[in-house]
C-alpha atoms as a PDB file:
ATOM      1  CA  MET A   1     -64.408 -48.096  -3.048  1.00  0.00           C
ATOM      2  CA  ASN A   2     -62.381 -45.582  -5.405  1.00  0.00           C
ATOM      3  CA  LYS A   3     -62.956 -45.003  -9.009  1.00  0.00           C
ATOM      4  CA  GLN A   4     -60.542 -47.762 -10.453  1.00  0.00           C
ATOM      5  CA  ASP A   5     -63.142 -50.423  -9.211  1.00  0.00           C
ATOM      6  CA  LEU A   6     -66.248 -48.541  -8.549  1.00  0.00           C
ATOM      7  CA  TYR A   7     -68.062 -50.054 -11.933  1.00  0.00           C
ATOM      8  CA  ASN A   8     -67.073 -53.404 -11.340  1.00  0.00           C
ATOM      9  CA  GLY A   9     -70.076 -56.102 -10.958  1.00  0.00           C
ATOM     10  CA  THR A  10     -73.187 -57.495 -12.257  1.00  0.00           C
ATOM     11  CA  TRP A  11     -76.367 -55.084 -12.380  1.00  0.00           C
ATOM     12  CA  ASP A  12     -79.565 -55.862 -12.803  1.00  0.00           C
ATOM     13  CA  MET A  13     -82.333 -53.294 -14.433  1.00  0.00           C
ATOM     14  CA  VAL A  14     -84.959 -51.843 -12.124  1.00  0.00           C
ATOM     15  CA  SER A  15     -86.152 -49.450 -14.321  1.00  0.00           C
ATOM     16  CA  ASN A  16     -86.211 -48.042 -17.664  1.00  0.00           C
ATOM     17  CA  ASP A  17     -87.767 -44.976 -18.614  1.00  0.00           C
ATOM     18  CA  ASN A  18     -88.563 -44.016 -22.710  1.00  0.00           C
ATOM     19  CA  LEU A  19     -86.932 -46.773 -24.267  1.00  0.00           C
ATOM     20  CA  GLU A  20     -89.331 -46.658 -26.655  1.00  0.00           C
ATOM     21  CA  GLY A  21     -88.767 -43.100 -27.586  1.00  0.00           C
ATOM     22  CA  TYR A  22     -85.146 -43.912 -28.007  1.00  0.00           C
ATOM     23  CA  MET A  23     -85.454 -46.660 -30.076  1.00  0.00           C
ATOM     24  CA  ALA A  24     -87.938 -44.837 -32.412  1.00  0.00           C
ATOM     25  CA  ALA A  25     -85.205 -42.075 -32.969  1.00  0.00           C
ATOM     26  CA  LEU A  26     -82.627 -44.793 -34.054  1.00  0.00           C
ATOM     27  CA  ASP A  27     -85.192 -45.558 -36.519  1.00  0.00           C
ATOM     28  CA  ILE A  28     -85.862 -49.694 -35.081  1.00  0.00           C
ATOM     29  CA  ASN A  29     -89.229 -51.152 -35.993  1.00  0.00           C
ATOM     30  CA  PHE A  30     -92.403 -51.166 -33.761  1.00  0.00           C
ATOM     31  CA  ALA A  31     -91.983 -55.162 -32.992  1.00  0.00           C
ATOM     32  CA  THR A  32     -88.506 -54.759 -31.601  1.00  0.00           C
ATOM     33  CA  ARG A  33     -89.543 -51.994 -29.617  1.00  0.00           C
ATOM     34  CA  LYS A  34     -92.282 -53.717 -28.151  1.00  0.00           C
ATOM     35  CA  ILE A  35     -90.144 -56.594 -27.144  1.00  0.00           C
ATOM     36  CA  ALA A  36     -87.261 -54.999 -25.974  1.00  0.00           C
ATOM     37  CA  SER A  37     -89.613 -52.704 -23.724  1.00  0.00           C
ATOM     38  CA  ILE A  38     -90.768 -55.945 -21.714  1.00  0.00           C
ATOM     39  CA  LEU A  39     -87.178 -56.974 -21.042  1.00  0.00           C
ATOM     40  CA  LYS A  40     -85.098 -56.268 -17.987  1.00  0.00           C
ATOM     41  CA  PRO A  41     -81.525 -56.751 -19.208  1.00  0.00           C
ATOM     42  CA  GLN A  42     -78.718 -57.468 -16.827  1.00  0.00           C
ATOM     43  CA  LYS A  43     -74.991 -55.616 -16.994  1.00  0.00           C
ATOM     44  CA  VAL A  44     -71.521 -57.244 -16.396  1.00  0.00           C
ATOM     45  CA  ILE A  45     -68.861 -54.464 -15.993  1.00  0.00           C
ATOM     46  CA  LYS A  46     -65.207 -55.863 -15.999  1.00  0.00           C
ATOM     47  CA  GLN A  47     -62.869 -52.951 -15.098  1.00  0.00           C
ATOM     48  CA  ASP A  48     -59.280 -52.946 -14.864  1.00  0.00           C
ATOM     49  CA  GLY A  49     -58.133 -49.442 -14.120  1.00  0.00           C
ATOM     50  CA  ASP A  50     -59.274 -47.490 -17.444  1.00  0.00           C
ATOM     51  CA  SER A  51     -59.540 -50.354 -19.538  1.00  0.00           C
ATOM     52  CA  PHE A  52     -63.837 -51.675 -19.028  1.00  0.00           C
ATOM     53  CA  THR A  53     -65.546 -54.538 -20.930  1.00  0.00           C
ATOM     54  CA  PHE A  54     -69.601 -53.410 -20.602  1.00  0.00           C
ATOM     55  CA  GLN A  55     -71.701 -57.137 -21.252  1.00  0.00           C
ATOM     56  CA  THR A  56     -75.357 -56.617 -21.333  1.00  0.00           C
ATOM     57  CA  ILE A  57     -77.328 -59.859 -21.245  1.00  0.00           C
ATOM     58  CA  SER A  58     -80.906 -60.887 -21.809  1.00  0.00           C
ATOM     59  CA  PRO A  59     -82.626 -63.657 -22.760  1.00  0.00           C
ATOM     60  CA  VAL A  60     -83.020 -62.897 -26.415  1.00  0.00           C
ATOM     61  CA  LEU A  61     -79.829 -60.417 -26.566  1.00  0.00           C
ATOM     62  CA  LYS A  62     -75.757 -60.567 -25.781  1.00  0.00           C
ATOM     63  CA  TYR A  63     -73.793 -57.545 -26.305  1.00  0.00           C
ATOM     64  CA  LYS A  64     -70.122 -57.189 -25.403  1.00  0.00           C
ATOM     65  CA  CYS A  65     -68.309 -53.676 -25.731  1.00  0.00           C
ATOM     66  CA  SER A  66     -64.461 -53.275 -24.799  1.00  0.00           C
ATOM     67  CA  PHE A  67     -62.813 -49.970 -24.478  1.00  0.00           C
ATOM     68  CA  LYS A  68     -60.454 -48.039 -22.887  1.00  0.00           C
ATOM     69  CA  ILE A  69     -60.977 -44.499 -21.468  1.00  0.00           C
ATOM     70  CA  GLY A  70     -59.942 -41.777 -24.021  1.00  0.00           C
ATOM     71  CA  GLU A  71     -59.321 -43.995 -27.009  1.00  0.00           C
ATOM     72  CA  GLU A  72     -61.304 -43.794 -29.958  1.00  0.00           C
ATOM     73  CA  PHE A  73     -62.668 -47.161 -31.150  1.00  0.00           C
ATOM     74  CA  GLU A  74     -65.194 -48.474 -33.531  1.00  0.00           C
ATOM     75  CA  GLU A  75     -68.295 -49.718 -32.164  1.00  0.00           C
ATOM     76  CA  VAL A  76     -71.166 -51.600 -33.939  1.00  0.00           C
ATOM     77  CA  THR A  77     -74.146 -50.962 -31.681  1.00  0.00           C
ATOM     78  CA  LYS A  78     -75.261 -54.706 -32.285  1.00  0.00           C
ATOM     79  CA  ALA A  79     -77.424 -54.317 -28.951  1.00  0.00           C
ATOM     80  CA  MET A  80     -79.727 -51.328 -30.803  1.00  0.00           C
ATOM     81  CA  ASP A  81     -79.540 -50.780 -34.651  1.00  0.00           C
ATOM     82  CA  HIS A  82     -76.789 -52.643 -35.974  1.00  0.00           C
ATOM     83  CA  ARG A  83     -74.739 -49.165 -37.051  1.00  0.00           C
ATOM     84  CA  LYS A  84     -70.984 -48.343 -36.766  1.00  0.00           C
ATOM     85  CA  CYS A  85     -69.977 -45.565 -34.601  1.00  0.00           C
ATOM     86  CA  GLN A  86     -66.804 -44.251 -33.739  1.00  0.00           C
ATOM     87  CA  SER A  87     -66.906 -44.100 -30.145  1.00  0.00           C
ATOM     88  CA  VAL A  88     -64.823 -42.359 -27.218  1.00  0.00           C
ATOM     89  CA  VAL A  89     -65.415 -43.148 -23.522  1.00  0.00           C
ATOM     90  CA  ASN A  90     -64.047 -40.056 -20.849  1.00  0.00           C
ATOM     91  CA  TRP A  91     -64.265 -39.812 -17.598  1.00  0.00           C
ATOM     92  CA  ASP A  92     -66.223 -36.392 -16.287  1.00  0.00           C
ATOM     93  CA  ASN A  93     -65.659 -36.337 -12.376  1.00  0.00           C
ATOM     94  CA  ASP A  94     -67.187 -40.194 -11.550  1.00  0.00           C
ATOM     95  CA  GLU A  95     -69.317 -40.591 -14.724  1.00  0.00           C
ATOM     96  CA  LEU A  96     -68.766 -42.349 -17.910  1.00  0.00           C
ATOM     97  CA  VAL A  97     -69.080 -40.523 -20.743  1.00  0.00           C
ATOM     98  CA  CYS A  98     -69.614 -41.984 -24.083  1.00  0.00           C
ATOM     99  CA  VAL A  99     -69.575 -39.841 -27.647  1.00  0.00           C
ATOM    100  CA  GLN A 100     -71.127 -42.419 -30.590  1.00  0.00           C
ATOM    101  CA  LYS A 101     -70.265 -40.238 -33.783  1.00  0.00           C
ATOM    102  CA  GLY A 102     -71.881 -41.852 -36.777  1.00  0.00           C
ATOM    103  CA  GLU A 103     -75.592 -42.073 -38.925  1.00  0.00           C
ATOM    104  CA  LYS A 104     -77.568 -40.510 -35.746  1.00  0.00           C
ATOM    105  CA  ARG A 105     -76.943 -36.843 -34.525  1.00  0.00           C
ATOM    106  CA  ASN A 106     -76.058 -36.645 -30.526  1.00  0.00           C
ATOM    107  CA  ARG A 107     -75.935 -39.808 -29.805  1.00  0.00           C
ATOM    108  CA  GLY A 108     -74.185 -41.507 -26.871  1.00  0.00           C
ATOM    109  CA  TRP A 109     -74.554 -42.416 -23.332  1.00  0.00           C
ATOM    110  CA  THR A 110     -73.767 -41.370 -19.766  1.00  0.00           C
ATOM    111  CA  HIS A 111     -72.933 -44.192 -16.689  1.00  0.00           C
ATOM    112  CA  TRP A 112     -72.851 -42.957 -13.063  1.00  0.00           C
ATOM    113  CA  ILE A 113     -73.367 -44.783  -9.674  1.00  0.00           C
ATOM    114  CA  GLN A 114     -75.237 -43.244  -6.822  1.00  0.00           C
ATOM    115  CA  GLY A 115     -75.508 -45.595  -3.844  1.00  0.00           C
ATOM    116  CA  ASP A 116     -75.951 -49.197  -4.806  1.00  0.00           C
ATOM    117  CA  LYS A 117     -77.235 -48.073  -8.291  1.00  0.00           C
ATOM    118  CA  LEU A 118     -75.941 -47.797 -11.694  1.00  0.00           C
ATOM    119  CA  HIS A 119     -77.482 -44.985 -13.829  1.00  0.00           C
ATOM    120  CA  LEU A 120     -77.529 -44.851 -17.380  1.00  0.00           C
ATOM    121  CA  GLU A 121     -78.601 -42.217 -20.013  1.00  0.00           C
ATOM    122  CA  LEU A 122     -78.746 -42.986 -23.572  1.00  0.00           C
ATOM    123  CA  THR A 123     -79.016 -40.238 -25.759  1.00  0.00           C
ATOM    124  CA  CYS A 124     -80.146 -39.968 -29.505  1.00  0.00           C
ATOM    125  CA  GLU A 125     -81.487 -36.843 -31.595  1.00  0.00           C
ATOM    126  CA  GLY A 126     -82.888 -35.645 -28.618  1.00  0.00           C
ATOM    127  CA  GLN A 127     -84.445 -38.752 -27.085  1.00  0.00           C
ATOM    128  CA  VAL A 128     -83.307 -39.276 -23.531  1.00  0.00           C
ATOM    129  CA  CYS A 129     -83.753 -43.033 -22.011  1.00  0.00           C
ATOM    130  CA  LYS A 130     -83.269 -43.429 -18.131  1.00  0.00           C
ATOM    131  CA  GLN A 131     -82.054 -47.172 -16.840  1.00  0.00           C
ATOM    132  CA  VAL A 132     -80.781 -47.709 -13.341  1.00  0.00           C
ATOM    133  CA  PHE A 133     -79.810 -51.044 -12.191  1.00  0.00           C
ATOM    134  CA  LYS A 134     -79.179 -52.403  -8.999  1.00  0.00           C
ATOM    135  CA  ARG A 135     -75.690 -54.194  -8.000  1.00  0.00           C
ATOM    136  CA  THR A 136     -75.902 -58.026  -7.098  1.00  0.00           C
ATOM    137  CA  THR A 137     -72.468 -59.064  -6.850  1.00  0.00           C
END
């Protein structure tokens, strides 16, 4: 599998570290943070060269984001805090790195694959949430 199709597939969450701290940095209320902490969302990624569509699916949330590597786009972070950001995703070796510019400082994410696992680090104002997903298809 090469970089051109590495991320394609369906991924089930297997671990979620510091989601609470990350969501608190986004000013998300206590009740929503508690509900989110028990969910195990699934990611569906469709990759066509440098064009991507990421879907996050759980019983209470469906979020879809499409982008092309290197092209800035306006993103409304409906999956989290409903803020508008100017986002851009680039390759850093085999990692996808997103910088989200907006109201919150040092916000973004990094995805990479190690073995059969998809890793995601979400960052905002010094908080880092580490999530791991296992490929199902």
